[in-house]
Amino acid sequence: MTILQGAAEFMRQDQVWSFMQQSQPDQRINVSKQVILYVEGLNLSFDGFKALNNLNLYVNDGELRCLIGANGAGKTTLMDVITGKTECDSGSVYFGQTLNLLERDEAQIAQLGIGRKFQKPTVFAAQSVFDNLELSLKTNKGVMATLFARLNSAQTDRIYQVLQTIGLKQQCFMLAGALSHGQKQWLEIGMLLVSEPRLLLIDEPVAGMTAEETERTAELLTSLAGERTVIVVEHDMEFVRSIARTVTVLHQGSVLAEGSMNDIQNNQAVIDVYLGESQ
């Protein structure tokens, strides 16, 4: 690519970002019935395999919900559909009562206030913790604006507030690549928080963590619920027991059971197909 071609591509990307900023969808979320996520009759097949099978899920505004199930139960596929990464065959997904997520792409869904954290942390290793948060704060701005922008006091305060929340204030200017595995997970959660999402989807947050990091993660996720809605996918049953208020068990693409952890532990169908295998 020549210098002129590179410059043209750079300007094209800036125009795309500017268009996205100007055409943000209506972000008013109707939770008058206290439900923030409606998933109804969701179906999705891959080469004859039924990944989602008439799945129904309702998540209340401000709750901390845990999703559990064996590999292939449909947990990741469900999150892919909610965030616009994968199209379903049929069904509906609404954010609040009026925002149809199936009519929007990934960028538009993120702009609505839905953030997703994958299992493996994807931080900018060569940048400081602060810079990672700053870059995340500016993701909806044009490229040129991002290069030459300076943080205002509200943005700086927001970053330090998030640093306090995720427990990385002392590591503020440390390179992200030098953080422990658990700290990288917290930083990535922080990278979502700076954009002030209303719904967080967190995939296996404690995989590979020490016992101390796991305990700290439980405290962090519990603290986020209320102001936000948090959905956690996790295989570690001890961790789920430590944070769960409501647990949804998926099996073969459908909801097998739902209730408190005590309800789930005593559900014979769950014991037969899931808990019995994991204990």
C-alpha atoms as a PDB file:
ATOM      1  CA  MET A   1       0.000   0.000   0.000  1.00  0.00           C
ATOM      2  CA  THR A   2       1.364   3.437  -0.975  1.00  0.00           C
ATOM      3  CA  ILE A   3       1.395   6.415   1.404  1.00  0.00           C
ATOM      4  CA  LEU A   4      -1.484   7.998  -0.544  1.00  0.00           C
ATOM      5  CA  GLN A   5      -3.505   4.787  -0.408  1.00  0.00           C
ATOM      6  CA  GLY A   6      -2.830   4.536   3.323  1.00  0.00           C
ATOM      7  CA  ALA A   7      -3.960   8.105   3.875  1.00  0.00           C
ATOM      8  CA  ALA A   8      -7.132   7.497   1.871  1.00  0.00           C
ATOM      9  CA  GLU A   9      -7.943   4.382   3.883  1.00  0.00           C
ATOM     10  CA  PHE A  10      -7.267   6.273   7.124  1.00  0.00           C
ATOM     11  CA  MET A  11      -9.702   9.017   6.116  1.00  0.00           C
ATOM     12  CA  ARG A  12     -12.291   6.440   5.010  1.00  0.00           C
ATOM     13  CA  GLN A  13     -12.158   4.776   8.437  1.00  0.00           C
ATOM     14  CA  ASP A  14     -12.563   8.163  10.111  1.00  0.00           C
ATOM     15  CA  GLN A  15     -15.666   8.852   8.015  1.00  0.00           C
ATOM     16  CA  VAL A  16     -17.114   5.444   8.982  1.00  0.00           C
ATOM     17  CA  TRP A  17     -16.566   6.124  12.688  1.00  0.00           C
ATOM     18  CA  SER A  18     -18.100   9.600  12.315  1.00  0.00           C
ATOM     19  CA  PHE A  19     -21.155   8.131  10.585  1.00  0.00           C
ATOM     20  CA  MET A  20     -21.561   5.549  13.361  1.00  0.00           C
ATOM     21  CA  GLN A  21     -21.347   8.312  15.955  1.00  0.00           C
ATOM     22  CA  GLN A  22     -23.963  10.439  14.175  1.00  0.00           C
ATOM     23  CA  SER A  23     -26.353   7.535  13.554  1.00  0.00           C
ATOM     24  CA  GLN A  24     -26.494   5.990  16.988  1.00  0.00           C
ATOM     25  CA  PRO A  25     -29.876   4.320  17.542  1.00  0.00           C
ATOM     26  CA  ASP A  26     -32.348   5.428  20.178  1.00  0.00           C
ATOM     27  CA  GLN A  27     -30.839   4.216  23.438  1.00  0.00           C
ATOM     28  CA  ARG A  28     -33.883   4.623  25.665  1.00  0.00           C
ATOM     29  CA  ILE A  29     -34.558   1.252  27.246  1.00  0.00           C
ATOM     30  CA  ASN A  30     -38.086   0.498  28.388  1.00  0.00           C
ATOM     31  CA  VAL A  31     -37.839  -1.624  31.544  1.00  0.00           C
ATOM     32  CA  SER A  32     -41.221  -0.639  32.958  1.00  0.00           C
ATOM     33  CA  LYS A  33     -41.955  -4.332  33.534  1.00  0.00           C
ATOM     34  CA  GLN A  34     -38.560  -4.770  35.277  1.00  0.00           C
ATOM     35  CA  VAL A  35     -37.291  -7.068  32.513  1.00  0.00           C
ATOM     36  CA  ILE A  36     -34.277  -5.931  30.486  1.00  0.00           C
ATOM     37  CA  LEU A  37     -33.739  -8.953  28.239  1.00  0.00           C
ATOM     38  CA  TYR A  38     -36.439 -10.958  26.474  1.00  0.00           C
ATOM     39  CA  VAL A  39     -35.364 -14.061  24.542  1.00  0.00           C
ATOM     40  CA  GLU A  40     -38.294 -15.994  23.082  1.00  0.00           C
ATOM     41  CA  GLY A  41     -38.535 -19.048  20.824  1.00  0.00           C
ATOM     42  CA  LEU A  42     -34.897 -18.857  19.739  1.00  0.00           C
ATOM     43  CA  ASN A  43     -33.823 -21.492  17.219  1.00  0.00           C
ATOM     44  CA  LEU A  44     -30.506 -21.984  15.459  1.00  0.00           C
ATOM     45  CA  SER A  45     -29.109 -24.992  13.635  1.00  0.00           C
ATOM     46  CA  PHE A  46     -25.606 -25.641  12.294  1.00  0.00           C
ATOM     47  CA  ASP A  47     -25.484 -28.383   9.621  1.00  0.00           C
ATOM     48  CA  GLY A  48     -28.415 -30.171  11.210  1.00  0.00           C
ATOM     49  CA  PHE A  49     -27.182 -29.709  14.798  1.00  0.00           C
ATOM     50  CA  LYS A  50     -29.731 -27.847  16.930  1.00  0.00           C
ATOM     51  CA  ALA A  51     -27.576 -25.330  18.812  1.00  0.00           C
ATOM     52  CA  LEU A  52     -30.596 -23.430  20.133  1.00  0.00           C
ATOM     53  CA  ASN A  53     -33.944 -25.165  20.449  1.00  0.00           C
ATOM     54  CA  ASN A  54     -36.976 -22.973  21.169  1.00  0.00           C
ATOM     55  CA  LEU A  55     -35.002 -21.230  23.924  1.00  0.00           C
ATOM     56  CA  ASN A  56     -36.827 -18.793  26.208  1.00  0.00           C
ATOM     57  CA  LEU A  57     -35.010 -16.571  28.700  1.00  0.00           C
ATOM     58  CA  TYR A  58     -36.079 -13.511  30.680  1.00  0.00           C
ATOM     59  CA  VAL A  59     -33.579 -11.495  32.706  1.00  0.00           C
ATOM     60  CA  ASN A  60     -34.643  -8.813  35.177  1.00  0.00           C
ATOM     61  CA  ASP A  61     -33.150  -5.347  35.159  1.00  0.00           C
ATOM     62  CA  GLY A  62     -30.233  -5.094  37.597  1.00  0.00           C
ATOM     63  CA  GLU A  63     -29.923  -8.787  38.395  1.00  0.00           C
ATOM     64  CA  LEU A  64     -26.885 -11.058  38.407  1.00  0.00           C
ATOM     65  CA  ARG A  65     -27.809 -14.158  36.408  1.00  0.00           C
ATOM     66  CA  CYS A  66     -25.607 -17.244  36.026  1.00  0.00           C
ATOM     67  CA  LEU A  67     -25.848 -19.510  32.986  1.00  0.00           C
ATOM     68  CA  ILE A  68     -24.523 -23.037  33.376  1.00  0.00           C
ATOM     69  CA  GLY A  69     -24.567 -26.151  31.237  1.00  0.00           C
ATOM     70  CA  ALA A  70     -22.283 -28.714  29.669  1.00  0.00           C
ATOM     71  CA  ASN A  71     -20.203 -27.905  26.586  1.00  0.00           C
ATOM     72  CA  GLY A  72     -22.536 -27.644  23.608  1.00  0.00           C
ATOM     73  CA  ALA A  73     -25.537 -26.670  25.720  1.00  0.00           C
ATOM     74  CA  GLY A  74     -25.914 -23.387  23.804  1.00  0.00           C
ATOM     75  CA  LYS A  75     -24.442 -20.835  26.221  1.00  0.00           C
ATOM     76  CA  THR A  76     -21.925 -19.226  23.862  1.00  0.00           C
ATOM     77  CA  THR A  77     -24.285 -19.453  20.888  1.00  0.00           C
ATOM     78  CA  LEU A  78     -26.944 -17.622  22.896  1.00  0.00           C
ATOM     79  CA  MET A  79     -24.520 -14.793  23.680  1.00  0.00           C
ATOM     80  CA  ASP A  80     -23.452 -14.685  20.019  1.00  0.00           C
ATOM     81  CA  VAL A  81     -27.073 -14.107  18.989  1.00  0.00           C
ATOM     82  CA  ILE A  82     -27.719 -11.492  21.697  1.00  0.00           C
ATOM     83  CA  THR A  83     -24.656  -9.473  20.631  1.00  0.00           C
ATOM     84  CA  GLY A  84     -25.296  -9.730  16.886  1.00  0.00           C
ATOM     85  CA  LYS A  85     -22.352 -11.958  16.102  1.00  0.00           C
ATOM     86  CA  THR A  86     -24.581 -14.780  14.830  1.00  0.00           C
ATOM     87  CA  GLU A  87     -27.981 -14.711  13.157  1.00  0.00           C
ATOM     88  CA  CYS A  88     -30.653 -17.071  14.468  1.00  0.00           C
ATOM     89  CA  ASP A  89     -33.093 -19.070  12.338  1.00  0.00           C
ATOM     90  CA  SER A  90     -36.175 -17.871  14.208  1.00  0.00           C
ATOM     91  CA  GLY A  91     -37.284 -16.281  17.453  1.00  0.00           C
ATOM     92  CA  SER A  92     -36.975 -12.837  19.019  1.00  0.00           C
ATOM     93  CA  VAL A  93     -34.498 -10.999  21.252  1.00  0.00           C
ATOM     94  CA  TYR A  94     -35.473  -7.673  22.795  1.00  0.00           C
ATOM     95  CA  PHE A  95     -33.446  -5.277  24.946  1.00  0.00           C
ATOM     96  CA  GLY A  96     -36.158  -3.861  27.137  1.00  0.00           C
ATOM     97  CA  GLN A  97     -39.641  -3.965  25.649  1.00  0.00           C
ATOM     98  CA  THR A  98     -39.005  -2.097  22.420  1.00  0.00           C
ATOM     99  CA  LEU A  99     -35.434  -2.562  21.148  1.00  0.00           C
ATOM    100  CA  ASN A 100     -35.239  -5.489  18.725  1.00  0.00           C
ATOM    101  CA  LEU A 101     -31.657  -6.739  18.801  1.00  0.00           C
ATOM    102  CA  LEU A 102     -32.143  -9.008  15.790  1.00  0.00           C
ATOM    103  CA  GLU A 103     -32.557  -5.907  13.609  1.00  0.00           C
ATOM    104  CA  ARG A 104     -29.169  -4.516  14.647  1.00  0.00           C
ATOM    105  CA  ASP A 105     -25.532  -5.368  13.944  1.00  0.00           C
ATOM    106  CA  GLU A 106     -22.752  -5.843  16.515  1.00  0.00           C
ATOM    107  CA  ALA A 107     -21.697  -2.176  16.569  1.00  0.00           C
ATOM    108  CA  GLN A 108     -25.258  -0.929  17.018  1.00  0.00           C
ATOM    109  CA  ILE A 109     -25.920  -3.434  19.801  1.00  0.00           C
ATOM    110  CA  ALA A 110     -22.772  -2.292  21.620  1.00  0.00           C
ATOM    111  CA  GLN A 111     -23.932   1.307  21.271  1.00  0.00           C
ATOM    112  CA  LEU A 112     -27.231   0.380  22.922  1.00  0.00           C
ATOM    113  CA  GLY A 113     -25.292  -0.500  26.067  1.00  0.00           C
ATOM    114  CA  ILE A 114     -24.567  -4.232  25.807  1.00  0.00           C
ATOM    115  CA  GLY A 115     -20.970  -5.198  26.546  1.00  0.00           C
ATOM    116  CA  ARG A 116     -19.425  -8.638  26.197  1.00  0.00           C
ATOM    117  CA  LYS A 117     -16.294 -10.084  27.724  1.00  0.00           C
ATOM    118  CA  PHE A 118     -14.900 -13.271  26.221  1.00  0.00           C
ATOM    119  CA  GLN A 119     -13.105 -15.960  28.218  1.00  0.00           C
ATOM    120  CA  LYS A 120      -9.603 -15.007  27.068  1.00  0.00           C
ATOM    121  CA  PRO A 121      -8.680 -11.425  28.005  1.00  0.00           C
ATOM    122  CA  THR A 122      -7.931  -9.229  24.983  1.00  0.00           C
ATOM    123  CA  VAL A 123      -6.136  -6.206  26.361  1.00  0.00           C
ATOM    124  CA  PHE A 124      -3.549  -4.023  24.611  1.00  0.00           C
ATOM    125  CA  ALA A 125      -0.450  -5.551  26.207  1.00  0.00           C
ATOM    126  CA  ALA A 126       1.977  -2.807  25.089  1.00  0.00           C
ATOM    127  CA  GLN A 127      -0.220  -0.018  26.514  1.00  0.00           C
ATOM    128  CA  SER A 128      -0.645   1.002  30.128  1.00  0.00           C
ATOM    129  CA  VAL A 129      -3.703   0.087  32.152  1.00  0.00           C
ATOM    130  CA  PHE A 130      -4.834   3.723  31.962  1.00  0.00           C
ATOM    131  CA  ASP A 131      -4.312   3.822  28.185  1.00  0.00           C
ATOM    132  CA  ASN A 132      -6.367   0.649  27.736  1.00  0.00           C
ATOM    133  CA  LEU A 133      -9.264   2.312  29.540  1.00  0.00           C
ATOM    134  CA  GLU A 134      -8.803   5.552  27.612  1.00  0.00           C
ATOM    135  CA  LEU A 135      -8.850   3.739  24.270  1.00  0.00           C
ATOM    136  CA  SER A 136     -12.040   1.955  25.288  1.00  0.00           C
ATOM    137  CA  LEU A 137     -13.585   5.246  26.327  1.00  0.00           C
ATOM    138  CA  LYS A 138     -13.001   6.616  22.838  1.00  0.00           C
ATOM    139  CA  THR A 139     -14.187   3.688  20.735  1.00  0.00           C
ATOM    140  CA  ASN A 140     -17.203   5.578  19.369  1.00  0.00           C
ATOM    141  CA  LYS A 141     -15.179   8.550  18.153  1.00  0.00           C
ATOM    142  CA  GLY A 142     -13.652   9.160  14.744  1.00  0.00           C
ATOM    143  CA  VAL A 143     -10.049   8.109  14.124  1.00  0.00           C
ATOM    144  CA  MET A 144      -8.773  11.647  13.583  1.00  0.00           C
ATOM    145  CA  ALA A 145     -10.643  12.911  16.637  1.00  0.00           C
ATOM    146  CA  THR A 146      -9.218  10.082  18.727  1.00  0.00           C
ATOM    147  CA  LEU A 147      -5.643  10.853  17.712  1.00  0.00           C
ATOM    148  CA  PHE A 148      -5.824  14.501  18.686  1.00  0.00           C
ATOM    149  CA  ALA A 149      -8.387  14.476  21.472  1.00  0.00           C
ATOM    150  CA  ARG A 150      -7.571  15.199  25.089  1.00  0.00           C
ATOM    151  CA  LEU A 151      -9.503  13.815  27.995  1.00  0.00           C
ATOM    152  CA  ASN A 152     -11.843  16.184  29.734  1.00  0.00           C
ATOM    153  CA  SER A 153     -12.230  16.125  33.491  1.00  0.00           C
ATOM    154  CA  ALA A 154     -15.391  13.996  33.382  1.00  0.00           C
ATOM    155  CA  GLN A 155     -13.660  11.346  31.270  1.00  0.00           C
ATOM    156  CA  THR A 156     -10.607  11.316  33.530  1.00  0.00           C
ATOM    157  CA  ASP A 157     -12.825  10.991  36.586  1.00  0.00           C
ATOM    158  CA  ARG A 158     -14.667   8.128  34.901  1.00  0.00           C
ATOM    159  CA  ILE A 159     -11.424   6.250  34.252  1.00  0.00           C
ATOM    160  CA  TYR A 160     -10.240   6.653  37.847  1.00  0.00           C
ATOM    161  CA  GLN A 161     -13.648   5.576  39.110  1.00  0.00           C
ATOM    162  CA  VAL A 162     -13.381   2.399  37.033  1.00  0.00           C
ATOM    163  CA  LEU A 163      -9.796   1.819  38.210  1.00  0.00           C
ATOM    164  CA  GLN A 164     -11.097   1.954  41.767  1.00  0.00           C
ATOM    165  CA  THR A 165     -13.939  -0.442  40.945  1.00  0.00           C
ATOM    166  CA  ILE A 166     -11.692  -3.062  39.313  1.00  0.00           C
ATOM    167  CA  GLY A 167      -8.979  -2.709  41.957  1.00  0.00           C
ATOM    168  CA  LEU A 168      -6.175  -1.595  39.621  1.00  0.00           C
ATOM    169  CA  LYS A 169      -5.590   1.965  40.782  1.00  0.00           C
ATOM    170  CA  GLN A 170      -2.038   1.172  41.911  1.00  0.00           C
ATOM    171  CA  GLN A 171      -1.310  -0.507  38.565  1.00  0.00           C
ATOM    172  CA  CYS A 172      -2.631   2.517  36.641  1.00  0.00           C
ATOM    173  CA  PHE A 173       0.583   3.140  34.645  1.00  0.00           C
ATOM    174  CA  MET A 174       1.802  -0.448  34.472  1.00  0.00           C
ATOM    175  CA  LEU A 175       1.869  -2.086  31.050  1.00  0.00           C
ATOM    176  CA  ALA A 176      -1.175  -4.310  30.655  1.00  0.00           C
ATOM    177  CA  GLY A 177       1.068  -7.149  29.468  1.00  0.00           C
ATOM    178  CA  ALA A 178       2.764  -7.211  32.882  1.00  0.00           C
ATOM    179  CA  LEU A 179      -0.467  -7.821  34.797  1.00  0.00           C
ATOM    180  CA  SER A 180      -1.373 -11.197  36.241  1.00  0.00           C
ATOM    181  CA  HIS A 181      -4.025 -13.262  34.468  1.00  0.00           C
ATOM    182  CA  GLY A 182      -6.670 -12.220  36.972  1.00  0.00           C
ATOM    183  CA  GLN A 183      -5.741  -8.542  36.696  1.00  0.00           C
ATOM    184  CA  LYS A 184      -6.038  -8.727  32.907  1.00  0.00           C
ATOM    185  CA  GLN A 185      -9.539 -10.126  33.325  1.00  0.00           C
ATOM    186  CA  TRP A 186     -10.441  -7.227  35.633  1.00  0.00           C
ATOM    187  CA  LEU A 187      -8.931  -4.725  33.197  1.00  0.00           C
ATOM    188  CA  GLU A 188     -11.047  -6.090  30.365  1.00  0.00           C
ATOM    189  CA  ILE A 189     -14.142  -5.768  32.543  1.00  0.00           C
ATOM    190  CA  GLY A 190     -13.024  -2.191  33.198  1.00  0.00           C
ATOM    191  CA  MET A 191     -12.682  -1.599  29.462  1.00  0.00           C
ATOM    192  CA  LEU A 192     -16.369  -2.426  29.181  1.00  0.00           C
ATOM    193  CA  LEU A 193     -17.334  -0.345  32.214  1.00  0.00           C
ATOM    194  CA  VAL A 194     -15.867   2.937  30.923  1.00  0.00           C
ATOM    195  CA  SER A 195     -18.484   2.938  28.166  1.00  0.00           C
ATOM    196  CA  GLU A 196     -21.174   2.597  30.873  1.00  0.00           C
ATOM    197  CA  PRO A 197     -23.034  -0.471  29.561  1.00  0.00           C
ATOM    198  CA  ARG A 198     -26.462  -1.391  30.891  1.00  0.00           C
ATOM    199  CA  LEU A 199     -25.999  -5.144  30.304  1.00  0.00           C
ATOM    200  CA  LEU A 200     -22.752  -7.102  30.721  1.00  0.00           C
ATOM    201  CA  LEU A 201     -22.215 -10.599  29.305  1.00  0.00           C
ATOM    202  CA  ILE A 202     -19.236 -12.239  31.011  1.00  0.00           C
ATOM    203  CA  ASP A 203     -17.871 -15.555  29.718  1.00  0.00           C
ATOM    204  CA  GLU A 204     -15.998 -17.802  32.206  1.00  0.00           C
ATOM    205  CA  PRO A 205     -14.366 -14.951  34.154  1.00  0.00           C
ATOM    206  CA  VAL A 206     -12.445 -17.108  36.672  1.00  0.00           C
ATOM    207  CA  ALA A 207     -10.910 -19.719  34.357  1.00  0.00           C
ATOM    208  CA  GLY A 208      -7.206 -19.974  35.247  1.00  0.00           C
ATOM    209  CA  MET A 209      -7.439 -17.697  38.288  1.00  0.00           C
ATOM    210  CA  THR A 210      -5.936 -18.248  41.711  1.00  0.00           C
ATOM    211  CA  ALA A 211      -8.285 -18.720  44.674  1.00  0.00           C
ATOM    212  CA  GLU A 212      -7.626 -15.144  45.800  1.00  0.00           C
ATOM    213  CA  GLU A 213      -8.324 -13.751  42.311  1.00  0.00           C
ATOM    214  CA  THR A 214     -11.503 -15.815  42.093  1.00  0.00           C
ATOM    215  CA  GLU A 215     -12.748 -14.383  45.378  1.00  0.00           C
ATOM    216  CA  ARG A 216     -11.963 -10.852  44.236  1.00  0.00           C
ATOM    217  CA  THR A 217     -13.786 -11.462  40.938  1.00  0.00           C
ATOM    218  CA  ALA A 218     -16.857 -12.650  42.825  1.00  0.00           C
ATOM    219  CA  GLU A 219     -16.833  -9.415  44.824  1.00  0.00           C
ATOM    220  CA  LEU A 220     -16.396  -7.347  41.650  1.00  0.00           C
ATOM    221  CA  LEU A 221     -19.255  -8.929  39.722  1.00  0.00           C
ATOM    222  CA  THR A 222     -21.563  -8.804  42.731  1.00  0.00           C
ATOM    223  CA  SER A 223     -20.815  -5.091  43.142  1.00  0.00           C
ATOM    224  CA  LEU A 224     -21.694  -4.382  39.493  1.00  0.00           C
ATOM    225  CA  ALA A 225     -25.203  -5.855  39.673  1.00  0.00           C
ATOM    226  CA  GLY A 226     -28.009  -3.470  40.546  1.00  0.00           C
ATOM    227  CA  GLU A 227     -26.853  -0.458  38.574  1.00  0.00           C
ATOM    228  CA  ARG A 228     -26.208  -2.880  35.703  1.00  0.00           C
ATOM    229  CA  THR A 229     -27.473  -6.281  34.693  1.00  0.00           C
ATOM    230  CA  VAL A 230     -24.795  -8.979  34.652  1.00  0.00           C
ATOM    231  CA  ILE A 231     -25.044 -12.374  32.953  1.00  0.00           C
ATOM    232  CA  VAL A 232     -22.205 -14.755  33.803  1.00  0.00           C
ATOM    233  CA  VAL A 233     -21.422 -17.998  31.978  1.00  0.00           C
ATOM    234  CA  GLU A 234     -19.274 -20.230  34.185  1.00  0.00           C
ATOM    235  CA  HIS A 235     -18.324 -23.885  34.703  1.00  0.00           C
ATOM    236  CA  ASP A 236     -16.836 -23.436  38.194  1.00  0.00           C
ATOM    237  CA  MET A 237     -19.724 -24.458  40.436  1.00  0.00           C
ATOM    238  CA  GLU A 238     -18.098 -23.154  43.617  1.00  0.00           C
ATOM    239  CA  PHE A 239     -17.801 -19.739  41.997  1.00  0.00           C
ATOM    240  CA  VAL A 240     -21.412 -19.879  40.800  1.00  0.00           C
ATOM    241  CA  ARG A 241     -22.551 -20.763  44.336  1.00  0.00           C
ATOM    242  CA  SER A 242     -20.678 -17.731  45.680  1.00  0.00           C
ATOM    243  CA  ILE A 243     -22.396 -15.182  43.415  1.00  0.00           C
ATOM    244  CA  ALA A 244     -25.636 -16.713  42.136  1.00  0.00           C
ATOM    245  CA  ARG A 245     -29.058 -15.367  42.946  1.00  0.00           C
ATOM    246  CA  THR A 246     -30.751 -16.973  39.956  1.00  0.00           C
ATOM    247  CA  VAL A 247     -29.238 -19.786  37.884  1.00  0.00           C
ATOM    248  CA  THR A 248     -30.388 -20.865  34.430  1.00  0.00           C
ATOM    249  CA  VAL A 249     -29.336 -24.324  33.250  1.00  0.00           C
ATOM    250  CA  LEU A 250     -29.113 -24.906  29.502  1.00  0.00           C
ATOM    251  CA  HIS A 251     -29.205 -28.366  27.933  1.00  0.00           C
ATOM    252  CA  GLN A 252     -29.236 -29.168  24.225  1.00  0.00           C
ATOM    253  CA  GLY A 253     -30.090 -25.589  23.318  1.00  0.00           C
ATOM    254  CA  SER A 254     -33.044 -25.196  25.694  1.00  0.00           C
ATOM    255  CA  VAL A 255     -33.637 -24.076  29.276  1.00  0.00           C
ATOM    256  CA  LEU A 256     -33.647 -27.206  31.416  1.00  0.00           C
ATOM    257  CA  ALA A 257     -34.203 -25.532  34.787  1.00  0.00           C
ATOM    258  CA  GLU A 258     -34.117 -22.160  36.493  1.00  0.00           C
ATOM    259  CA  GLY A 259     -34.128 -20.966  40.083  1.00  0.00           C
ATOM    260  CA  SER A 260     -31.912 -20.435  43.108  1.00  0.00           C
ATOM    261  CA  MET A 261     -28.707 -22.437  43.438  1.00  0.00           C
ATOM    262  CA  ASN A 262     -30.423 -24.542  46.087  1.00  0.00           C
ATOM    263  CA  ASP A 263     -33.278 -25.264  43.664  1.00  0.00           C
ATOM    264  CA  ILE A 264     -30.830 -26.223  40.930  1.00  0.00           C
ATOM    265  CA  GLN A 265     -28.756 -28.467  43.186  1.00  0.00           C
ATOM    266  CA  ASN A 266     -31.885 -30.406  44.150  1.00  0.00           C
ATOM    267  CA  ASN A 267     -33.365 -30.628  40.658  1.00  0.00           C
ATOM    268  CA  GLN A 268     -33.184 -34.275  39.589  1.00  0.00           C
ATOM    269  CA  ALA A 269     -33.125 -33.475  35.877  1.00  0.00           C
ATOM    270  CA  VAL A 270     -30.138 -31.159  36.383  1.00  0.00           C
ATOM    271  CA  ILE A 271     -28.360 -33.726  38.528  1.00  0.00           C
ATOM    272  CA  ASP A 272     -28.885 -36.367  35.856  1.00  0.00           C
ATOM    273  CA  VAL A 273     -27.619 -34.364  32.886  1.00  0.00           C
ATOM    274  CA  TYR A 274     -25.153 -31.886  34.367  1.00  0.00           C
ATOM    275  CA  LEU A 275     -24.289 -31.652  38.056  1.00  0.00           C
ATOM    276  CA  GLY A 276     -23.903 -35.402  38.390  1.00  0.00           C
ATOM    277  CA  GLU A 277     -21.271 -35.368  35.656  1.00  0.00           C
ATOM    278  CA  SER A 278     -19.332 -32.452  37.117  1.00  0.00           C
ATOM    279  CA  GLN A 279     -19.084 -33.677  40.689  1.00  0.00           C
END
